[in-house]
Amino acid sequence: MHGVGLLALLLGVGLMFYLMFGAGGKGSAGQALEAQQQAQSVGNQLSGKDESGKLVTQSIKFEAGLKGIAVSEVTPGSPFDTLYG
């Protein structure tokens, strides 16, 4: 009788691993990695950094004049360039 219980336990563990990692699911490790990447992207955006970690304020130059401030230069490929052209 002990062999039947052990067999049932092993089948249950095998089924759990199959459902977590083998049946097309990412499992907890894949979900954690995906959530971390998304949180880091949002955190960088809120802190004023682009995807490479560079401050967004370093990708734009301003000129001050009598009527206000004008944008004089935008780094190609920067967030300002992709959002505002």
C-alpha atoms as a PDB file:
ATOM      1  CA  MET A   1       0.000   0.000   0.000  1.00  0.00           C
ATOM      2  CA  HIS A   2       2.888   2.376   0.630  1.00  0.00           C
ATOM      3  CA  GLY A   3       3.997   2.032  -2.980  1.00  0.00           C
ATOM      4  CA  VAL A   4       0.600   3.230  -4.246  1.00  0.00           C
ATOM      5  CA  GLY A   5       0.803   6.362  -2.077  1.00  0.00           C
ATOM      6  CA  LEU A   6       4.337   7.106  -3.260  1.00  0.00           C
ATOM      7  CA  LEU A   7       3.304   6.577  -6.874  1.00  0.00           C
ATOM      8  CA  ALA A   8       0.350   8.937  -6.448  1.00  0.00           C
ATOM      9  CA  LEU A   9       2.640  11.550  -4.876  1.00  0.00           C
ATOM     10  CA  LEU A  10       5.150  11.306  -7.720  1.00  0.00           C
ATOM     11  CA  LEU A  11       2.395  11.546 -10.339  1.00  0.00           C
ATOM     12  CA  GLY A  12       0.965  14.597  -8.561  1.00  0.00           C
ATOM     13  CA  VAL A  13       4.356  16.340  -8.467  1.00  0.00           C
ATOM     14  CA  GLY A  14       4.980  15.444 -12.108  1.00  0.00           C
ATOM     15  CA  LEU A  15       1.578  16.820 -13.103  1.00  0.00           C
ATOM     16  CA  MET A  16       2.263  20.035 -11.177  1.00  0.00           C
ATOM     17  CA  PHE A  17       5.594  20.580 -12.963  1.00  0.00           C
ATOM     18  CA  TYR A  18       4.016  19.767 -16.323  1.00  0.00           C
ATOM     19  CA  LEU A  19       1.269  22.321 -15.799  1.00  0.00           C
ATOM     20  CA  MET A  20       3.688  24.982 -14.545  1.00  0.00           C
ATOM     21  CA  PHE A  21       6.451  24.630 -17.115  1.00  0.00           C
ATOM     22  CA  GLY A  22       5.581  22.168 -19.854  1.00  0.00           C
ATOM     23  CA  ALA A  23       2.043  22.970 -21.000  1.00  0.00           C
ATOM     24  CA  GLY A  24       2.916  26.250 -22.701  1.00  0.00           C
ATOM     25  CA  GLY A  25       2.858  28.151 -19.428  1.00  0.00           C
ATOM     26  CA  LYS A  26       5.727  30.351 -18.374  1.00  0.00           C
ATOM     27  CA  GLY A  27       5.589  29.264 -14.758  1.00  0.00           C
ATOM     28  CA  SER A  28       6.284  31.466 -11.820  1.00  0.00           C
ATOM     29  CA  ALA A  29       9.864  32.304 -12.873  1.00  0.00           C
ATOM     30  CA  GLY A  30       8.757  33.513 -16.308  1.00  0.00           C
ATOM     31  CA  GLN A  31       5.914  35.532 -14.870  1.00  0.00           C
ATOM     32  CA  ALA A  32       8.216  37.116 -12.292  1.00  0.00           C
ATOM     33  CA  LEU A  33      10.731  38.101 -14.974  1.00  0.00           C
ATOM     34  CA  GLU A  34       8.017  39.595 -17.172  1.00  0.00           C
ATOM     35  CA  ALA A  35       6.566  41.556 -14.242  1.00  0.00           C
ATOM     36  CA  GLN A  36      10.025  42.824 -13.271  1.00  0.00           C
ATOM     37  CA  GLN A  37      10.736  44.062 -16.804  1.00  0.00           C
ATOM     38  CA  GLN A  38       7.382  45.844 -16.974  1.00  0.00           C
ATOM     39  CA  ALA A  39       7.880  47.442 -13.552  1.00  0.00           C
ATOM     40  CA  GLN A  40      11.373  48.589 -14.490  1.00  0.00           C
ATOM     41  CA  SER A  41      10.074  50.149 -17.711  1.00  0.00           C
ATOM     42  CA  VAL A  42       7.364  52.067 -15.841  1.00  0.00           C
ATOM     43  CA  GLY A  43       9.837  53.073 -13.116  1.00  0.00           C
ATOM     44  CA  ASN A  44      12.310  54.401 -15.679  1.00  0.00           C
ATOM     45  CA  GLN A  45       9.584  56.400 -17.384  1.00  0.00           C
ATOM     46  CA  LEU A  46       8.408  57.913 -14.094  1.00  0.00           C
ATOM     47  CA  SER A  47      11.963  58.798 -13.056  1.00  0.00           C
ATOM     48  CA  GLY A  48      12.750  60.501 -16.367  1.00  0.00           C
ATOM     49  CA  LYS A  49      15.021  57.852 -17.879  1.00  0.00           C
ATOM     50  CA  ASP A  50      14.914  56.159 -21.270  1.00  0.00           C
ATOM     51  CA  GLU A  51      15.317  52.416 -21.940  1.00  0.00           C
ATOM     52  CA  SER A  52      19.110  52.585 -21.640  1.00  0.00           C
ATOM     53  CA  GLY A  53      18.956  54.386 -18.267  1.00  0.00           C
ATOM     54  CA  LYS A  54      20.060  57.763 -19.649  1.00  0.00           C
ATOM     55  CA  LEU A  55      18.260  60.812 -18.292  1.00  0.00           C
ATOM     56  CA  VAL A  56      15.773  62.158 -20.798  1.00  0.00           C
ATOM     57  CA  THR A  57      16.811  65.729 -20.005  1.00  0.00           C
ATOM     58  CA  GLN A  58      20.235  64.953 -21.524  1.00  0.00           C
ATOM     59  CA  SER A  59      18.673  64.218 -24.920  1.00  0.00           C
ATOM     60  CA  ILE A  60      17.270  67.702 -25.509  1.00  0.00           C
ATOM     61  CA  LYS A  61      18.802  71.202 -25.612  1.00  0.00           C
ATOM     62  CA  PHE A  62      17.005  74.491 -25.092  1.00  0.00           C
ATOM     63  CA  GLU A  63      17.657  78.089 -26.078  1.00  0.00           C
ATOM     64  CA  ALA A  64      16.369  80.861 -23.885  1.00  0.00           C
ATOM     65  CA  GLY A  65      15.138  84.001 -25.602  1.00  0.00           C
ATOM     66  CA  LEU A  66      13.153  87.099 -24.781  1.00  0.00           C
ATOM     67  CA  LYS A  67       9.845  85.432 -25.635  1.00  0.00           C
ATOM     68  CA  GLY A  68      10.507  82.156 -23.786  1.00  0.00           C
ATOM     69  CA  ILE A  69      12.339  78.913 -24.246  1.00  0.00           C
ATOM     70  CA  ALA A  70      12.712  77.096 -27.565  1.00  0.00           C
ATOM     71  CA  VAL A  71      13.933  73.582 -28.245  1.00  0.00           C
ATOM     72  CA  SER A  72      17.147  73.843 -30.261  1.00  0.00           C
ATOM     73  CA  GLU A  73      18.218  70.204 -30.575  1.00  0.00           C
ATOM     74  CA  VAL A  74      16.715  66.752 -29.954  1.00  0.00           C
ATOM     75  CA  THR A  75      18.794  63.562 -29.950  1.00  0.00           C
ATOM     76  CA  PRO A  76      17.561  61.206 -32.708  1.00  0.00           C
ATOM     77  CA  GLY A  77      15.848  58.121 -31.306  1.00  0.00           C
ATOM     78  CA  SER A  78      15.319  59.657 -27.875  1.00  0.00           C
ATOM     79  CA  PRO A  79      11.916  59.521 -26.170  1.00  0.00           C
ATOM     80  CA  PHE A  80      11.299  63.156 -27.076  1.00  0.00           C
ATOM     81  CA  ASP A  81      12.036  62.367 -30.722  1.00  0.00           C
ATOM     82  CA  THR A  82       9.729  59.355 -30.822  1.00  0.00           C
ATOM     83  CA  LEU A  83       6.890  61.035 -28.924  1.00  0.00           C
ATOM     84  CA  TYR A  84       6.970  64.553 -30.331  1.00  0.00           C
ATOM     85  CA  GLY A  85       8.949  64.223 -33.566  1.00  0.00           C
END
